[in-house]
Amino acid sequence: MTTTTLMWGQPLAEDLRAGVREDLATLRDQGIRPTLGTVLMSDDNADEAFMDRKHELCEAAGIPTKRVDIRPDEPAEVLYRTVERLGADDDVTSLFVQVPLPDHVNASAIRDRVPPVKDIDCFAPENLGRLVVGDSWVTPATPAAVLRLLEAYCIETVGKDVVVVGRNTAICKPLANLFLARGPGGDATVTVCHTATTDLAAKTRRADILVTAAGVPHLVDESMVSAGVSVVDISVNRIRADTEKGYELVGDVDFESVKEKASAITPVPGGVGPLTLVLILRNIVDVTARQAGIKVALDRN
């Protein structure tokens, strides 16, 4: 019986964190202080927890932050002015806006207000466009985490059929383009599935590498994958459970059944998440270094 490899992100995150610390020290020696500005317009517990974790990591790394939380029922103009203010703040070297945004907010209007030089998640249209054409200044943290996991566990993408379940702009669209790009982590044949996809199972069964970011608990079960598939489950969904907390965290993939057929699979939590958080720190350092004309941090990518 073939043993399934569990792709844990934490060991890789620890190695990356060491590099971030070194580069932070280099910047500080030259009088440069990376500072993160964040904006949250949500009362979703998962969004709040993820934002809290970003700030905890920054605090642990000695990176100052400026956090602005806005009630989701506030006028969109409040969010526009907040992003503009942080974008113009000379003390803020990097900027992150939590998505998804409330329905009454024009997401494009927010993207246009994020200065590309401070953008750490490929949120600004210019940065997303550069990624699509293969000339990226910054790689979004979660897509970057997926590629680093696959590389670390020696899962080849060249010539493979990759199926991405989800089409959000924050993760899935950049990731699909990275898989398509020439070079390491790319050269794959990519299928992107979404809510209008007919016969999702037929698509996912063709995958050599399956990546899910749909936000639907247990969307994919063992009947929807082929033997030997490598599975990266990005989503962390909260469902009710008879536990002390009253809930448990699960992915889009039915882990227990799918791991019996997969050659490699990420646990949820513990797979993509730890790497994503450290790569956010990596991007804070890199965009700050670029603004200062320093290449040390960038050379580690």
Protein backbone atom coordinates (compact mmCIF):
# COMPACT_ATOMS: atom_id res chain seq x y z
CA MET A 1 0.00 0.00 0.00
CA THR A 2 1.38 3.39 -1.02
CA THR A 3 2.04 5.81 1.83
CA THR A 4 0.47 9.24 1.40
CA THR A 5 2.80 12.17 2.01
CA LEU A 6 1.40 14.90 4.23
CA MET A 7 2.63 18.29 3.05
CA TRP A 8 3.15 20.29 6.23
CA GLY A 9 3.90 23.98 5.85
CA GLN A 10 5.37 24.75 9.26
CA PRO A 11 8.89 23.33 8.73
CA LEU A 12 9.23 25.31 5.51
CA ALA A 13 7.87 28.40 7.21
CA GLU A 14 10.56 28.21 9.88
CA ASP A 15 13.31 28.18 7.24
CA LEU A 16 11.76 31.15 5.45
CA ARG A 17 11.36 33.07 8.69
CA ALA A 18 15.10 32.86 9.29
CA GLY A 19 15.73 34.54 5.93
CA VAL A 20 13.21 37.26 6.72
CA ARG A 21 14.97 38.00 10.01
CA GLU A 22 18.31 38.35 8.25
CA ASP A 23 16.94 40.74 5.66
CA LEU A 24 15.09 42.79 8.26
CA ALA A 25 18.38 43.24 10.08
CA THR A 26 20.02 44.39 6.84
CA LEU A 27 17.32 47.00 6.26
CA ARG A 28 17.46 48.25 9.84
CA ASP A 29 21.23 48.58 9.67
CA GLN A 30 20.64 51.05 6.85
CA GLY A 31 18.00 52.98 8.76
CA ILE A 32 15.02 51.50 6.89
CA ARG A 33 12.01 50.35 8.89
CA PRO A 34 9.37 48.24 7.09
CA THR A 35 5.87 49.11 8.31
CA LEU A 36 2.64 47.35 7.37
CA GLY A 37 -0.68 49.13 7.00
CA THR A 38 -3.80 46.95 6.97
CA VAL A 39 -7.48 47.55 6.37
CA LEU A 40 -10.28 45.21 7.44
CA MET A 41 -13.91 45.90 6.52
CA SER A 42 -15.54 42.73 7.80
CA ASP A 43 -17.07 41.24 10.91
CA ASP A 44 -16.38 37.68 9.79
CA ASN A 45 -14.56 35.77 12.53
CA ALA A 46 -12.22 34.07 10.08
CA ASP A 47 -11.23 37.39 8.48
CA GLU A 48 -10.64 38.95 11.88
CA ALA A 49 -8.58 35.98 13.06
CA PHE A 50 -6.43 36.03 9.91
CA MET A 51 -5.80 39.76 10.33
CA ASP A 52 -4.94 39.25 14.00
CA ARG A 53 -2.41 36.60 13.02
CA LYS A 54 -0.73 38.92 10.50
CA HIS A 55 -0.25 41.55 13.18
CA GLU A 56 1.00 39.00 15.71
CA LEU A 57 3.62 37.81 13.22
CA CYS A 58 4.68 41.37 12.46
CA GLU A 59 4.98 42.12 16.18
CA ALA A 60 7.08 39.01 16.71
CA ALA A 61 9.35 40.06 13.84
CA GLY A 62 9.59 43.64 15.08
CA ILE A 63 7.67 45.10 12.13
CA PRO A 64 5.47 48.07 13.17
CA THR A 65 1.88 48.04 11.92
CA LYS A 66 -0.97 50.46 11.41
CA ARG A 67 -4.29 48.65 11.49
CA VAL A 68 -7.64 50.15 10.57
CA ASP A 69 -10.85 48.16 11.16
CA ILE A 70 -14.04 49.48 9.55
CA ARG A 71 -17.53 48.20 10.22
CA PRO A 72 -18.90 46.40 7.13
CA ASP A 73 -22.01 48.59 7.12
CA GLU A 74 -20.00 51.82 6.91
CA PRO A 75 -20.21 53.80 3.63
CA ALA A 76 -17.76 52.72 0.96
CA GLU A 77 -16.26 56.21 1.04
CA VAL A 78 -14.86 55.49 4.50
CA LEU A 79 -12.86 52.59 3.06
CA TYR A 80 -11.74 54.64 0.05
CA ARG A 81 -10.40 57.43 2.27
CA THR A 82 -8.68 54.97 4.59
CA VAL A 83 -6.80 53.24 1.78
CA GLU A 84 -5.85 56.59 0.28
CA ARG A 85 -4.53 57.81 3.63
CA LEU A 86 -2.41 54.72 4.25
CA GLY A 87 -1.19 54.76 0.67
CA ALA A 88 0.03 58.35 1.10
CA ASP A 89 1.56 57.76 4.53
CA ASP A 90 5.35 57.88 4.16
CA ASP A 91 5.78 55.75 7.30
CA VAL A 92 3.77 52.92 5.74
CA THR A 93 5.97 50.93 3.35
CA SER A 94 3.51 48.10 2.64
CA LEU A 95 -0.26 47.85 2.41
CA PHE A 96 -2.76 45.01 2.68
CA VAL A 97 -6.54 45.16 2.21
CA GLN A 98 -8.49 42.13 3.44
CA VAL A 99 -10.90 40.60 0.93
CA PRO A 100 -13.67 39.81 0.24
CA LEU A 101 -15.15 43.27 0.63
CA PRO A 102 -18.81 44.09 1.36
CA ASP A 103 -21.13 44.10 -1.64
CA HIS A 104 -21.63 47.88 -1.59
CA VAL A 105 -17.89 48.48 -2.05
CA ASN A 106 -16.47 48.80 -5.56
CA ALA A 107 -13.48 46.46 -5.39
CA SER A 108 -11.94 47.99 -8.51
CA ALA A 109 -12.03 51.41 -6.88
CA ILE A 110 -10.09 50.02 -3.93
CA ARG A 111 -7.55 48.29 -6.16
CA ASP A 112 -6.91 51.57 -7.97
CA ARG A 113 -6.16 53.27 -4.65
CA VAL A 114 -3.45 50.83 -3.54
CA PRO A 115 -0.02 52.14 -4.62
CA PRO A 116 1.68 49.34 -6.61
CA VAL A 117 5.00 49.97 -4.82
CA LYS A 118 3.35 49.24 -1.43
CA ASP A 119 1.15 46.36 -2.57
CA ILE A 120 2.17 43.07 -0.90
CA ASP A 121 -0.55 40.81 -2.34
CA CYS A 122 -0.75 41.66 -6.05
CA PHE A 123 -3.95 43.60 -5.30
CA ALA A 124 -3.20 46.65 -7.46
CA PRO A 125 -4.20 46.18 -11.13
CA GLU A 126 -0.69 47.01 -12.34
CA ASN A 127 0.86 44.29 -10.20
CA LEU A 128 -1.71 41.70 -11.20
CA GLY A 129 -1.11 42.56 -14.84
CA ARG A 130 2.65 42.22 -14.42
CA LEU A 131 2.14 38.76 -12.91
CA VAL A 132 -0.01 37.69 -15.85
CA VAL A 133 2.63 38.72 -18.39
CA GLY A 134 5.43 37.10 -16.38
CA ASP A 135 7.14 40.24 -15.07
CA SER A 136 5.91 40.24 -11.49
CA TRP A 137 7.14 42.61 -8.81
CA VAL A 138 5.36 40.69 -6.09
CA THR A 139 3.80 37.23 -5.87
CA PRO A 140 0.69 36.91 -3.70
CA ALA A 141 1.52 35.04 -0.52
CA THR A 142 -0.95 32.17 -0.85
CA PRO A 143 -0.13 31.26 -4.47
CA ALA A 144 3.55 31.53 -3.59
CA ALA A 145 2.97 29.18 -0.65
CA VAL A 146 1.35 26.60 -2.94
CA LEU A 147 4.31 26.62 -5.32
CA ARG A 148 6.85 26.40 -2.51
CA LEU A 149 5.04 23.42 -0.99
CA LEU A 150 5.01 21.56 -4.29
CA GLU A 151 8.69 22.31 -4.84
CA ALA A 152 9.68 21.28 -1.33
CA TYR A 153 7.89 17.94 -1.67
CA CYS A 154 9.37 17.35 -5.15
CA ILE A 155 6.05 17.48 -6.99
CA GLU A 156 6.76 18.39 -10.61
CA THR A 157 4.45 20.73 -12.51
CA VAL A 158 6.00 20.55 -15.98
CA GLY A 159 3.59 18.89 -18.38
CA LYS A 160 1.15 18.02 -15.60
CA ASP A 161 -2.60 18.56 -15.58
CA VAL A 162 -3.39 21.04 -12.82
CA VAL A 163 -6.99 21.68 -11.79
CA VAL A 164 -7.77 24.75 -9.69
CA VAL A 165 -11.19 24.78 -8.02
CA GLY A 166 -12.14 28.43 -7.50
CA ARG A 167 -11.74 31.61 -9.52
CA ASN A 168 -11.27 34.41 -6.98
CA THR A 169 -8.86 37.17 -7.92
CA ALA A 170 -6.91 37.06 -4.68
CA ILE A 171 -5.71 33.45 -5.03
CA CYS A 172 -7.01 31.38 -7.92
CA LYS A 173 -6.43 33.65 -10.90
CA PRO A 174 -2.84 34.51 -9.94
CA LEU A 175 -2.13 30.88 -9.12
CA ALA A 176 -3.47 29.65 -12.47
CA ASN A 177 -1.19 32.10 -14.26
CA LEU A 178 1.82 31.01 -12.21
CA PHE A 179 1.16 27.39 -13.14
CA LEU A 180 0.97 28.44 -16.80
CA ALA A 181 4.20 30.45 -16.76
CA ARG A 182 7.42 29.12 -18.20
CA GLY A 183 9.98 27.92 -15.70
CA PRO A 184 10.04 26.35 -12.22
CA GLY A 185 6.58 25.81 -10.77
CA GLY A 186 5.00 26.35 -14.16
CA ASP A 187 4.71 24.79 -17.62
CA ALA A 188 1.52 23.00 -16.58
CA THR A 189 -1.77 22.56 -18.40
CA VAL A 190 -4.30 24.37 -16.24
CA THR A 191 -8.06 23.98 -15.83
CA VAL A 192 -9.92 26.47 -13.63
CA CYS A 193 -13.28 25.29 -12.25
CA HIS A 194 -15.99 27.43 -10.66
CA THR A 195 -19.69 27.56 -9.80
CA ALA A 196 -20.72 27.35 -13.46
CA THR A 197 -18.54 24.33 -14.21
CA THR A 198 -20.54 21.31 -15.36
CA ASP A 199 -19.56 17.90 -13.98
CA LEU A 200 -16.87 19.12 -11.61
CA ALA A 201 -15.91 15.54 -10.74
CA ALA A 202 -15.00 14.78 -14.35
CA LYS A 203 -12.59 17.72 -14.30
CA THR A 204 -11.01 16.95 -10.94
CA ARG A 205 -10.47 13.29 -11.79
CA ARG A 206 -8.19 14.37 -14.65
CA ALA A 207 -5.89 16.24 -12.29
CA ASP A 208 -2.33 15.26 -11.56
CA ILE A 209 -2.33 18.20 -9.14
CA LEU A 210 -5.57 19.42 -7.58
CA VAL A 211 -5.74 22.78 -5.81
CA THR A 212 -8.91 23.90 -4.06
CA ALA A 213 -9.85 27.38 -2.82
CA ALA A 214 -13.63 27.36 -3.15
CA GLY A 215 -14.50 27.82 0.51
CA VAL A 216 -16.99 24.92 0.46
CA PRO A 217 -16.46 22.32 3.20
CA HIS A 218 -15.86 18.77 1.91
CA LEU A 219 -16.66 19.76 -1.66
CA VAL A 220 -14.27 17.14 -3.04
CA ASP A 221 -14.45 13.50 -1.92
CA GLU A 222 -12.58 10.35 -2.95
CA SER A 223 -14.90 9.69 -5.90
CA MET A 224 -13.72 12.95 -7.48
CA VAL A 225 -9.99 12.21 -7.59
CA SER A 226 -7.76 9.69 -9.30
CA ALA A 227 -5.17 7.54 -7.58
CA GLY A 228 -1.82 9.25 -7.17
CA VAL A 229 -3.11 12.82 -7.29
CA SER A 230 -1.31 15.54 -5.33
CA VAL A 231 -3.81 17.70 -3.44
CA VAL A 232 -3.30 21.22 -2.09
CA ASP A 233 -6.29 22.38 -0.05
CA ILE A 234 -6.07 26.14 0.54
CA SER A 235 -9.43 26.71 2.20
CA VAL A 236 -9.93 26.74 5.96
CA ASN A 237 -13.66 26.42 6.60
CA ARG A 238 -15.30 26.55 10.01
CA ILE A 239 -18.10 24.04 10.59
CA ARG A 240 -20.13 23.23 13.69
CA ALA A 241 -18.82 20.32 15.68
CA ASP A 242 -19.18 18.71 19.08
CA THR A 243 -15.91 20.14 20.39
CA GLU A 244 -14.92 22.48 23.19
CA LYS A 245 -14.94 25.41 20.77
CA GLY A 246 -18.16 24.30 19.11
CA TYR A 247 -16.56 24.09 15.68
CA GLU A 248 -13.77 22.50 13.72
CA LEU A 249 -11.67 23.68 10.80
CA VAL A 250 -11.85 21.70 7.57
CA GLY A 251 -10.83 22.20 3.97
CA ASP A 252 -12.69 21.91 0.68
CA VAL A 253 -11.41 18.34 0.45
CA ASP A 254 -12.75 15.44 2.51
CA PHE A 255 -9.32 14.76 3.93
CA GLU A 256 -9.84 11.30 5.41
CA SER A 257 -11.28 9.77 2.25
CA VAL A 258 -9.13 11.58 -0.32
CA LYS A 259 -5.83 10.85 1.45
CA GLU A 260 -6.44 7.14 0.78
CA LYS A 261 -6.04 7.81 -2.95
CA ALA A 262 -3.66 10.78 -2.99
CA SER A 263 0.11 10.46 -3.22
CA ALA A 264 0.45 13.76 -1.35
CA ILE A 265 -2.03 16.04 0.42
CA THR A 266 -1.99 19.12 2.64
CA PRO A 267 -3.59 18.88 6.07
CA VAL A 268 -6.09 21.58 7.10
CA PRO A 269 -5.03 23.41 9.10
CA GLY A 270 -1.25 23.14 8.93
CA GLY A 271 -0.55 22.97 5.20
CA VAL A 272 -0.69 26.17 3.19
CA GLY A 273 -1.54 28.52 6.07
CA PRO A 274 1.78 28.67 7.96
CA LEU A 275 3.67 29.33 4.73
CA THR A 276 1.23 32.01 3.61
CA LEU A 277 1.74 34.01 6.79
CA VAL A 278 5.53 33.94 6.57
CA LEU A 279 5.43 34.86 2.88
CA ILE A 280 3.41 37.93 3.82
CA LEU A 281 6.39 38.95 5.97
CA ARG A 282 8.66 38.12 3.03
CA ASN A 283 6.65 40.44 0.79
CA ILE A 284 6.68 43.26 3.36
CA VAL A 285 10.47 43.10 3.41
CA ASP A 286 10.76 42.85 -0.37
CA VAL A 287 8.53 45.80 -1.27
CA THR A 288 10.27 47.94 1.34
CA ALA A 289 13.68 46.94 -0.02
CA ARG A 290 12.58 47.78 -3.56
CA GLN A 291 11.40 51.23 -2.53
CA ALA A 292 14.80 51.85 -0.94
CA GLY A 293 16.70 50.45 -3.91
CA ILE A 294 18.18 47.59 -1.89
CA LYS A 295 18.44 44.18 -3.52
CA VAL A 296 19.45 41.96 -0.60
CA ALA A 297 15.93 40.87 0.28
CA LEU A 298 14.87 40.45 -3.33
CA ASP A 299 17.79 38.16 -4.11
CA ARG A 300 16.41 35.49 -1.76
CA ASN A 301 13.37 34.81 -3.97
